[in-house]
Amino acid sequence: MVHEQLQLREVWQCSGCHKAAHYAAAPKLPSATSARISWERALLHQGWQAQAFVRHILVVLLLVVVTVEASAARPDRLVHFYTFSDTVPHPGLCSLAEAAAEVGNGLRVIGLSKRPGYILIHSHSPTLKFLMLQEVLEYEVSQGRVAADDLMIFSDGHDVLLQKPLADILKAYNKWPDSPYLISGERNCWPWPHSDPKHGSWDLGGEAVHSNQSWIINRWIKFTTHDFCRMILEKGPYPYPNIGLSMGPISKVIEVLRRNNRIVLDEDVNDQGAMWLVIMRHAEELNIQIDQHSEVFLNMLEYKKGELEREPCGPDWFQGPGGSVTPGIRLTNTTPGLLHFNGPSHEDGVWPTCYKEFTQQFRRVGTGHAFFDVDHNILVGTDYICDYSWYNIRDFHAHPLNGQTLQFLEDFYKLPVDPGLLTWRGTESAVDAVRLGREADLHTQSPHLHKVLNER
């Protein structure tokens, strides 16, 4: 994981600029966004106001029952796709949303009630994503929007590309018995210091986190930072866990998040480091598996030319009927459904090329493509806000804005957050505990955008 340098650029001269996207109230999105959506302004559904403590207890009881019966999971359980973003629009988020609408059940986005760049001022690492995801999942289960034994995918919001239908991803996931919490594997051991070339080339070196600290794994074993990379049992070419992609039953994901976030808050470890501790301490208990053969997920850091059947991402990336055939991995003879351009792998020209190919493959206008903004409890259409035809996306960090987009954002950031979610979150949530700055100071170098973000 690496902090993303946010560059929201105002572009006022463009051809083909469209009016701002519309949005509509969506009290529930139980499965898919396949229905044609009428983009009308509407009042938000008001959440019920039961005592937060009682609701937390009810969710805990429900999750206990579901966990006990996990071996008898419903064959018809739904699959929900969650991601985090504090920035809208964003080319990466748009590409993911378009693909999820076209070949999945739609995308559920958390974090859009915060201002662009909020994740960078929240804390020392991207811990915000998992803190917010735990709250949202518990809340959505309590509201009946998702079932605790449903499956879910969680991905980073800006550097992940979806390339296979949800049915293909589910088929690959089901190869693991007993519905595990499946986390993506990568070749680079992060965030721990490397002591062997096989640990990867992207290393913090002398800046390793908690260099003088140790952690108790169980009553017999204690690890220092130099132990983690060499203690993973390698069963495939992608042995090290990466939290940018994961999948599992919602009840199990919530339990993993609770333990991960407790470590983050109590031991001041970043979310990636905390997940290593969760794996070392609880993998057997919670059935945590690492996708070491990239059957479902592929992390692109340390990719070497020739490892895929076709290089990313040329015009021949999508082949066959409807572009359904994507390149397999020669090392493992697998074809993952999701690509994660983690760390510096999105810094060269490959990611923009892939973005363009994926957009051409999945973007549709006038067919109801949208994503569900969980924070505001609304559907957001992608027809206009995800139209970058007037700008050549050539850099992962370039987020072009035109005047019409700013008009959309001016209305968007005045929308109220789902009152039920706010009540669930309470007044002392770690999600709101900013440690490295103030929201009001974000994007002061861009006066037009700064004004829009601070007019409430």
Protein backbone atom coordinates (compact mmCIF):
# COMPACT_ATOMS: atom_id res chain seq x y z
CA MET A 1 0.00 0.00 0.00
CA VAL A 2 1.22 3.49 -0.68
CA HIS A 3 -0.42 6.82 -0.13
CA GLU A 4 -1.93 8.13 -3.30
CA GLN A 5 -0.85 11.62 -4.29
CA LEU A 6 -4.16 13.28 -5.02
CA GLN A 7 -4.21 15.75 -7.89
CA LEU A 8 -7.66 17.04 -8.71
CA ARG A 9 -7.14 19.24 -11.71
CA GLU A 10 -9.64 21.81 -12.84
CA VAL A 11 -10.01 21.82 -16.61
CA TRP A 12 -12.31 24.50 -17.92
CA GLN A 13 -11.80 24.29 -21.69
CA CYS A 14 -13.09 21.06 -23.14
CA SER A 15 -15.20 19.75 -25.93
CA GLY A 16 -18.17 17.51 -25.34
CA CYS A 17 -18.56 18.39 -21.66
CA HIS A 18 -21.90 17.23 -20.32
CA LYS A 19 -24.12 18.33 -17.53
CA ALA A 20 -23.59 16.89 -14.09
CA ALA A 21 -24.76 13.37 -13.38
CA HIS A 22 -28.04 12.93 -11.57
CA TYR A 23 -28.68 10.82 -8.54
CA ALA A 24 -31.70 9.14 -7.04
CA ALA A 25 -32.66 7.88 -3.61
CA ALA A 26 -32.07 4.19 -3.07
CA PRO A 27 -33.19 2.98 0.35
CA LYS A 28 -32.19 -0.59 -0.55
CA LEU A 29 -30.06 -2.24 -3.20
CA PRO A 30 -30.50 -5.89 -2.28
CA SER A 31 -28.75 -7.46 -5.24
CA ALA A 32 -28.22 -5.88 -8.66
CA THR A 33 -28.55 -2.61 -10.45
CA SER A 34 -30.03 -4.34 -13.49
CA ALA A 35 -33.32 -2.48 -13.31
CA ARG A 36 -33.52 0.64 -15.41
CA ILE A 37 -33.10 3.57 -13.06
CA SER A 38 -35.00 6.85 -13.27
CA TRP A 39 -32.51 9.59 -12.46
CA GLU A 40 -34.73 11.94 -10.50
CA ARG A 41 -33.88 13.96 -7.41
CA ALA A 42 -35.71 12.43 -4.46
CA LEU A 43 -35.76 12.59 -0.70
CA LEU A 44 -33.48 10.21 1.11
CA HIS A 45 -34.97 7.38 3.04
CA GLN A 46 -34.85 8.15 6.76
CA GLY A 47 -33.11 5.48 8.83
CA TRP A 48 -34.66 4.19 12.02
CA GLN A 49 -33.30 5.57 15.24
CA ALA A 50 -33.04 2.61 17.64
CA GLN A 51 -30.43 2.66 20.34
CA ALA A 52 -26.99 1.93 18.86
CA PHE A 53 -26.04 -0.39 21.71
CA VAL A 54 -29.08 -2.62 21.23
CA ARG A 55 -28.51 -2.75 17.49
CA HIS A 56 -24.87 -3.77 17.92
CA ILE A 57 -25.95 -6.59 20.25
CA LEU A 58 -28.51 -7.82 17.72
CA VAL A 59 -25.92 -7.86 14.96
CA VAL A 60 -23.46 -9.76 17.15
CA LEU A 61 -26.11 -12.39 17.95
CA LEU A 62 -27.03 -12.71 14.28
CA LEU A 63 -23.40 -13.13 13.26
CA VAL A 64 -22.83 -15.80 15.90
CA VAL A 65 -25.75 -17.84 14.54
CA VAL A 66 -24.57 -17.40 10.95
CA THR A 67 -20.98 -18.37 11.81
CA VAL A 68 -22.12 -21.57 13.54
CA GLU A 69 -24.12 -22.52 10.44
CA ALA A 70 -21.46 -21.47 7.92
CA SER A 71 -20.92 -25.01 6.72
CA ALA A 72 -24.54 -25.08 5.51
CA ALA A 73 -24.39 -21.83 3.54
CA ARG A 74 -27.33 -21.01 1.29
CA PRO A 75 -26.65 -22.07 -2.30
CA ASP A 76 -28.49 -18.97 -3.53
CA ARG A 77 -26.66 -16.44 -1.38
CA LEU A 78 -25.87 -13.16 -3.08
CA VAL A 79 -22.45 -11.67 -3.81
CA HIS A 80 -21.95 -7.97 -3.02
CA PHE A 81 -19.02 -5.91 -4.29
CA TYR A 82 -17.76 -3.19 -1.92
CA THR A 83 -15.02 -0.66 -2.45
CA PHE A 84 -13.70 2.46 -0.74
CA SER A 85 -13.24 5.88 -2.30
CA ASP A 86 -13.21 9.39 -0.90
CA THR A 87 -13.04 10.87 -4.41
CA VAL A 88 -15.74 11.20 -7.04
CA PRO A 89 -15.34 11.16 -9.93
CA HIS A 90 -12.12 9.20 -10.29
CA PRO A 91 -11.10 7.34 -13.47
CA GLY A 92 -10.24 4.17 -11.53
CA LEU A 93 -13.48 4.20 -9.56
CA CYS A 94 -15.43 4.85 -12.76
CA SER A 95 -13.80 1.92 -14.56
CA LEU A 96 -14.55 -0.40 -11.65
CA ALA A 97 -18.16 0.81 -11.42
CA GLU A 98 -18.77 0.41 -15.15
CA ALA A 99 -17.43 -3.16 -15.14
CA ALA A 100 -19.38 -4.09 -12.00
CA ALA A 101 -22.56 -2.76 -13.59
CA GLU A 102 -21.91 -4.62 -16.84
CA VAL A 103 -20.73 -8.04 -15.62
CA GLY A 104 -21.54 -8.02 -11.90
CA ASN A 105 -24.23 -7.01 -9.44
CA GLY A 106 -23.17 -3.39 -9.20
CA LEU A 107 -20.67 -1.64 -6.95
CA ARG A 108 -21.28 -0.45 -3.38
CA VAL A 109 -18.99 2.49 -2.58
CA ILE A 110 -18.18 3.60 0.97
CA GLY A 111 -16.35 6.81 1.89
CA LEU A 112 -17.93 9.40 -0.41
CA SER A 113 -19.30 11.46 2.47
CA LYS A 114 -15.68 12.43 3.17
CA ARG A 115 -13.77 14.95 1.08
CA PRO A 116 -11.21 13.95 -1.57
CA GLY A 117 -7.92 13.18 0.15
CA TYR A 118 -9.49 12.51 3.55
CA ILE A 119 -7.75 9.14 3.74
CA LEU A 120 -4.37 10.91 3.62
CA ILE A 121 -5.07 13.08 6.64
CA HIS A 122 -6.91 10.45 8.67
CA SER A 123 -3.91 8.53 9.97
CA HIS A 124 -0.41 7.22 9.20
CA SER A 125 -1.62 4.67 6.65
CA PRO A 126 -4.83 3.78 4.80
CA THR A 127 -6.39 2.36 7.97
CA LEU A 128 -9.59 4.30 7.24
CA LYS A 129 -10.87 1.76 4.70
CA PHE A 130 -11.23 -1.14 7.12
CA LEU A 131 -12.51 1.00 9.99
CA MET A 132 -15.27 2.34 7.77
CA LEU A 133 -16.01 -1.03 6.16
CA GLN A 134 -16.64 -2.67 9.54
CA GLU A 135 -19.16 0.00 10.52
CA VAL A 136 -20.92 -0.10 7.15
CA LEU A 137 -21.20 -3.90 7.06
CA GLU A 138 -22.59 -4.07 10.59
CA TYR A 139 -25.07 -1.32 9.74
CA GLU A 140 -26.17 -2.86 6.43
CA VAL A 141 -26.70 -6.27 8.07
CA SER A 142 -28.79 -4.60 10.79
CA GLN A 143 -30.89 -2.88 8.12
CA GLY A 144 -31.43 -6.05 6.14
CA ARG A 145 -29.76 -4.61 3.05
CA VAL A 146 -27.34 -7.54 2.98
CA ALA A 147 -27.49 -10.91 4.71
CA ALA A 148 -24.77 -11.99 7.09
CA ASP A 149 -24.22 -15.23 5.16
CA ASP A 150 -24.06 -13.48 1.77
CA LEU A 151 -20.66 -13.33 0.11
CA MET A 152 -18.82 -10.10 -0.52
CA ILE A 153 -15.78 -8.83 -2.38
CA PHE A 154 -13.82 -5.85 -1.10
CA SER A 155 -11.30 -4.01 -3.21
CA ASP A 156 -9.33 -0.80 -3.30
CA GLY A 157 -11.30 1.78 -5.21
CA HIS A 158 -8.84 3.44 -7.58
CA ASP A 159 -6.23 0.90 -8.68
CA VAL A 160 -8.33 -2.26 -9.16
CA LEU A 161 -9.82 -3.41 -12.47
CA LEU A 162 -12.59 -6.00 -12.82
CA GLN A 163 -12.21 -8.16 -15.93
CA LYS A 164 -14.32 -11.31 -15.41
CA PRO A 165 -18.05 -11.84 -14.76
CA LEU A 166 -19.07 -12.32 -11.16
CA ALA A 167 -20.10 -15.91 -11.91
CA ASP A 168 -16.53 -16.74 -12.98
CA ILE A 169 -15.10 -15.18 -9.83
CA LEU A 170 -17.54 -17.11 -7.67
CA LYS A 171 -16.64 -20.37 -9.44
CA ALA A 172 -12.94 -19.78 -8.73
CA TYR A 173 -13.64 -18.85 -5.10
CA ASN A 174 -15.75 -21.96 -4.52
CA LYS A 175 -12.68 -24.14 -5.13
CA TRP A 176 -11.76 -23.38 -1.52
CA PRO A 177 -13.80 -25.46 0.93
CA ASP A 178 -15.92 -24.01 3.72
CA SER A 179 -16.19 -20.43 2.38
CA PRO A 180 -12.91 -18.93 3.65
CA TYR A 181 -11.92 -15.32 4.10
CA LEU A 182 -9.79 -15.22 0.97
CA ILE A 183 -7.16 -12.51 0.74
CA SER A 184 -5.11 -11.78 -2.36
CA GLY A 185 -1.50 -12.87 -2.56
CA GLU A 186 1.43 -10.93 -3.95
CA ARG A 187 5.16 -11.37 -4.52
CA ASN A 188 6.29 -8.42 -2.44
CA CYS A 189 6.37 -8.76 1.33
CA TRP A 190 4.81 -5.57 2.70
CA PRO A 191 5.18 -3.68 5.02
CA TRP A 192 8.00 -5.64 6.64
CA PRO A 193 11.76 -5.36 5.98
CA HIS A 194 13.21 -7.81 3.45
CA SER A 195 16.07 -10.18 4.25
CA ASP A 196 16.02 -12.25 1.06
CA PRO A 197 15.64 -11.32 -2.65
CA LYS A 198 12.54 -13.53 -2.85
CA HIS A 199 10.77 -11.10 -0.51
CA GLY A 200 10.44 -8.66 -3.41
CA SER A 201 12.06 -5.43 -4.54
CA TRP A 202 9.77 -2.83 -2.94
CA ASP A 203 11.10 -2.44 0.59
CA LEU A 204 10.92 0.32 3.17
CA GLY A 205 14.55 -0.37 4.02
CA GLY A 206 15.66 1.62 7.04
CA GLU A 207 12.19 3.17 7.31
CA ALA A 208 10.53 -0.11 8.29
CA VAL A 209 7.55 0.35 10.59
CA HIS A 210 7.99 -0.50 14.26
CA SER A 211 11.62 -1.53 13.70
CA ASN A 212 12.25 -2.10 17.40
CA GLN A 213 8.89 -3.65 18.23
CA SER A 214 7.83 -7.26 18.68
CA TRP A 215 4.41 -8.94 18.71
CA ILE A 216 3.14 -11.97 20.58
CA ILE A 217 1.63 -14.47 18.15
CA ASN A 218 0.69 -17.02 20.79
CA ARG A 219 1.98 -17.99 24.22
CA TRP A 220 5.06 -19.63 22.68
CA ILE A 221 5.97 -17.37 19.75
CA LYS A 222 6.94 -13.70 19.46
CA PHE A 223 7.80 -12.00 16.15
CA THR A 224 9.92 -8.98 15.34
CA THR A 225 9.53 -7.07 12.09
CA HIS A 226 12.26 -9.21 10.50
CA ASP A 227 10.38 -12.47 11.12
CA PHE A 228 7.21 -11.96 9.11
CA CYS A 229 8.50 -12.32 5.54
CA ARG A 230 10.30 -15.59 6.21
CA MET A 231 7.47 -17.20 8.21
CA ILE A 232 4.86 -17.39 5.45
CA LEU A 233 4.40 -20.94 4.16
CA GLU A 234 4.87 -20.60 0.41
CA LYS A 235 2.43 -22.73 -1.58
CA GLY A 236 2.45 -20.64 -4.75
CA PRO A 237 4.27 -17.78 -6.52
CA TYR A 238 2.17 -15.10 -4.77
CA PRO A 239 2.65 -16.00 -1.08
CA TYR A 240 2.34 -12.67 0.76
CA PRO A 241 -1.06 -11.24 1.79
CA ASN A 242 -2.33 -7.98 0.29
CA ILE A 243 -5.47 -6.42 1.72
CA GLY A 244 -6.33 -4.54 -1.48
CA LEU A 245 -8.50 -7.50 -2.56
CA SER A 246 -10.44 -10.00 -0.45
CA MET A 247 -13.59 -12.12 -0.51
CA GLY A 248 -15.68 -14.11 1.93
CA PRO A 249 -18.97 -14.42 3.82
CA ILE A 250 -20.02 -11.08 5.29
CA SER A 251 -20.17 -12.50 8.83
CA LYS A 252 -16.60 -13.78 8.52
CA VAL A 253 -15.37 -10.53 6.97
CA ILE A 254 -16.83 -8.58 9.89
CA GLU A 255 -15.07 -10.83 12.39
CA VAL A 256 -11.74 -10.43 10.56
CA LEU A 257 -12.25 -6.65 10.45
CA ARG A 258 -13.01 -6.45 14.16
CA ARG A 259 -9.76 -8.16 15.03
CA ASN A 260 -7.77 -6.24 12.42
CA ASN A 261 -9.12 -2.88 13.52
CA ARG A 262 -8.58 -3.66 17.18
CA ILE A 263 -4.89 -4.21 16.41
CA VAL A 264 -4.78 -0.98 14.38
CA LEU A 265 -6.27 1.04 17.23
CA ASP A 266 -4.62 -0.67 20.21
CA GLU A 267 -1.16 -1.37 18.78
CA ASP A 268 -0.91 1.52 16.28
CA VAL A 269 -0.11 -0.78 13.36
CA ASN A 270 -1.19 0.05 9.81
CA ASP A 271 -3.98 -2.04 8.33
CA GLN A 272 -1.70 -4.17 6.14
CA GLY A 273 0.61 -4.99 9.05
CA ALA A 274 -2.37 -5.70 11.28
CA MET A 275 -3.72 -8.21 8.76
CA TRP A 276 -0.47 -10.15 8.96
CA LEU A 277 -1.01 -10.41 12.73
CA VAL A 278 -4.61 -11.53 12.25
CA ILE A 279 -3.43 -14.23 9.85
CA MET A 280 -0.65 -15.42 12.16
CA ARG A 281 -2.94 -15.48 15.20
CA HIS A 282 -6.31 -16.54 13.81
CA ALA A 283 -5.95 -18.13 10.34
CA GLU A 284 -7.02 -21.58 11.49
CA GLU A 285 -9.88 -20.33 13.63
CA LEU A 286 -11.33 -18.00 10.98
CA ASN A 287 -10.37 -20.08 7.91
CA ILE A 288 -8.25 -17.33 6.36
CA GLN A 289 -6.63 -18.31 3.08
CA ILE A 290 -4.14 -16.48 0.83
CA ASP A 291 -4.74 -16.71 -2.91
CA GLN A 292 -1.15 -17.78 -3.59
CA HIS A 293 -1.87 -19.03 -7.13
CA SER A 294 -3.89 -15.95 -8.17
CA GLU A 295 -7.02 -17.93 -8.93
CA VAL A 296 -9.29 -15.01 -8.06
CA PHE A 297 -6.99 -11.98 -7.66
CA LEU A 298 -3.76 -10.80 -9.29
CA ASN A 299 -1.53 -8.16 -7.73
CA MET A 300 0.56 -6.54 -10.46
CA LEU A 301 3.57 -5.42 -8.41
CA GLU A 302 6.62 -7.50 -9.41
CA TYR A 303 4.97 -8.54 -12.67
CA LYS A 304 7.54 -9.65 -15.24
CA LYS A 305 7.03 -9.53 -18.98
CA GLY A 306 5.88 -12.85 -20.38
CA GLU A 307 4.15 -14.12 -17.25
CA LEU A 308 0.72 -13.40 -18.74
CA GLU A 309 -0.41 -14.90 -22.04
CA ARG A 310 -0.78 -11.36 -23.41
CA GLU A 311 0.92 -8.24 -22.13
CA PRO A 312 -1.21 -5.69 -20.26
CA CYS A 313 -3.12 -4.06 -21.73
CA GLY A 314 -3.03 -4.08 -25.49
CA PRO A 315 -6.01 -3.96 -27.86
CA ASP A 316 -6.02 -7.78 -27.83
CA TRP A 317 -6.55 -8.00 -24.05
CA PHE A 318 -10.25 -8.94 -24.37
CA GLN A 319 -10.78 -11.69 -26.93
CA GLY A 320 -13.45 -14.21 -27.83
CA PRO A 321 -17.25 -13.75 -27.80
CA GLY A 322 -18.04 -10.40 -26.20
CA GLY A 323 -14.42 -10.04 -25.09
CA SER A 324 -14.92 -12.78 -22.50
CA VAL A 325 -11.44 -14.32 -22.87
CA THR A 326 -8.73 -12.55 -20.88
CA PRO A 327 -5.08 -13.63 -20.58
CA GLY A 328 -4.19 -16.39 -18.17
CA ILE A 329 -1.11 -16.57 -15.95
CA ARG A 330 1.45 -18.97 -17.39
CA LEU A 331 3.00 -19.62 -13.96
CA THR A 332 -0.22 -20.94 -12.43
CA ASN A 333 -2.51 -21.71 -15.37
CA THR A 334 -5.18 -19.50 -13.77
CA THR A 335 -7.16 -16.51 -15.01
CA PRO A 336 -7.95 -14.09 -12.17
CA GLY A 337 -11.06 -11.94 -12.25
CA LEU A 338 -9.59 -8.83 -10.63
CA LEU A 339 -6.31 -6.99 -11.22
CA HIS A 340 -4.76 -4.82 -8.50
CA PHE A 341 -2.11 -2.31 -9.57
CA ASN A 342 -0.67 -2.12 -6.07
CA GLY A 343 2.19 0.04 -4.87
CA PRO A 344 4.32 1.54 -7.63
CA SER A 345 2.81 -0.77 -10.29
CA HIS A 346 0.35 2.01 -11.21
CA GLU A 347 3.07 4.61 -11.66
CA ASP A 348 4.16 3.74 -15.21
CA GLY A 349 2.20 3.79 -18.46
CA VAL A 350 0.57 0.38 -18.00
CA TRP A 351 -2.31 1.45 -15.76
CA PRO A 352 -3.54 4.24 -18.11
CA THR A 353 -3.41 1.78 -21.02
CA CYS A 354 -5.40 -0.78 -19.06
CA TYR A 355 -7.87 1.87 -17.91
CA LYS A 356 -8.61 2.76 -21.55
CA GLU A 357 -9.03 -0.85 -22.65
CA PHE A 358 -11.31 -1.68 -19.73
CA THR A 359 -13.36 1.47 -20.26
CA GLN A 360 -13.83 0.59 -23.92
CA GLN A 361 -14.89 -2.92 -22.93
CA PHE A 362 -17.36 -2.10 -20.15
CA ARG A 363 -18.54 1.51 -20.35
CA ARG A 364 -22.12 1.90 -21.55
CA VAL A 365 -24.22 5.07 -21.77
CA GLY A 366 -28.00 5.06 -21.51
CA THR A 367 -28.24 1.55 -20.06
CA GLY A 368 -28.57 2.40 -16.36
CA HIS A 369 -24.96 1.99 -15.26
CA ALA A 370 -24.59 3.27 -11.71
CA PHE A 371 -22.94 2.62 -8.38
CA PHE A 372 -24.52 2.65 -4.93
CA ASP A 373 -23.18 5.40 -2.67
CA VAL A 374 -23.65 3.74 0.73
CA ASP A 375 -22.84 6.87 2.76
CA HIS A 376 -25.61 8.94 1.15
CA ASN A 377 -27.92 5.97 0.45
CA ILE A 378 -28.31 6.86 -3.22
CA LEU A 379 -27.53 5.52 -6.67
CA VAL A 380 -25.15 7.62 -8.73
CA GLY A 381 -25.26 7.28 -12.51
CA THR A 382 -22.00 7.03 -14.40
CA ASP A 383 -23.16 8.35 -17.79
CA TYR A 384 -21.91 11.91 -17.27
CA ILE A 385 -19.54 11.99 -14.31
CA CYS A 386 -17.50 9.11 -15.76
CA ASP A 387 -17.26 10.65 -19.23
CA TYR A 388 -13.59 11.38 -19.85
CA SER A 389 -13.89 11.50 -23.63
CA TRP A 390 -12.79 15.14 -23.49
CA TYR A 391 -9.51 14.33 -21.69
CA ASN A 392 -6.70 11.85 -22.33
CA ILE A 393 -6.13 9.90 -19.11
CA ARG A 394 -2.36 9.42 -19.16
CA ASP A 395 -1.46 9.43 -15.46
CA PHE A 396 -2.90 7.51 -12.50
CA HIS A 397 -2.78 10.67 -10.39
CA ALA A 398 -4.53 12.96 -12.88
CA HIS A 399 -8.18 13.39 -11.92
CA PRO A 400 -9.48 15.92 -14.41
CA LEU A 401 -12.44 18.09 -13.47
CA ASN A 402 -14.39 20.44 -15.70
CA GLY A 403 -16.88 23.11 -14.77
CA GLN A 404 -19.85 20.77 -15.19
CA THR A 405 -18.32 18.25 -12.80
CA LEU A 406 -17.79 20.97 -10.21
CA GLN A 407 -21.46 21.89 -10.52
CA PHE A 408 -22.34 18.26 -9.79
CA LEU A 409 -20.00 18.18 -6.78
CA GLU A 410 -21.48 21.40 -5.42
CA ASP A 411 -24.84 19.66 -5.09
CA PHE A 412 -23.38 16.28 -4.18
CA TYR A 413 -21.50 17.47 -1.10
CA LYS A 414 -24.62 19.15 0.24
CA LEU A 415 -26.46 15.84 0.41
CA PRO A 416 -27.08 14.53 3.93
CA VAL A 417 -25.36 11.36 5.05
CA ASP A 418 -27.72 8.46 5.69
CA PRO A 419 -29.07 9.35 9.18
CA GLY A 420 -29.22 5.70 10.19
CA LEU A 421 -25.54 5.24 9.36
CA LEU A 422 -24.63 8.35 11.33
CA THR A 423 -26.56 7.08 14.34
CA TRP A 424 -24.87 3.70 14.07
CA ARG A 425 -21.46 5.33 13.81
CA GLY A 426 -22.03 7.54 16.85
CA THR A 427 -20.01 10.52 17.97
CA GLU A 428 -16.75 8.77 18.87
CA SER A 429 -16.07 6.70 15.77
CA ALA A 430 -12.44 6.14 14.78
CA VAL A 431 -13.56 6.95 11.22
CA ASP A 432 -13.90 10.59 12.24
CA ALA A 433 -10.66 10.78 14.23
CA VAL A 434 -8.40 12.79 11.90
CA ARG A 435 -4.76 12.82 13.00
CA LEU A 436 -2.79 14.48 10.22
CA GLY A 437 -4.70 17.57 9.16
CA ARG A 438 -8.13 19.11 8.63
CA GLU A 439 -10.72 18.48 5.94
CA ALA A 440 -11.18 22.21 5.59
CA ASP A 441 -7.57 22.56 4.46
CA LEU A 442 -7.76 20.02 1.65
CA HIS A 443 -7.19 21.40 -1.88
CA THR A 444 -6.52 24.99 -0.86
CA GLN A 445 -4.30 25.20 -3.96
CA SER A 446 -7.43 24.82 -6.11
CA PRO A 447 -9.76 27.69 -5.17
CA HIS A 448 -12.76 26.57 -7.21
CA LEU A 449 -12.67 23.03 -5.87
CA HIS A 450 -11.90 24.18 -2.33
CA LYS A 451 -14.96 26.40 -2.39
CA VAL A 452 -17.18 23.56 -3.60
CA LEU A 453 -15.88 21.18 -0.90
CA ASN A 454 -16.51 23.61 1.92
CA GLU A 455 -19.96 24.95 0.99
CA ARG A 456 -22.39 22.94 3.07
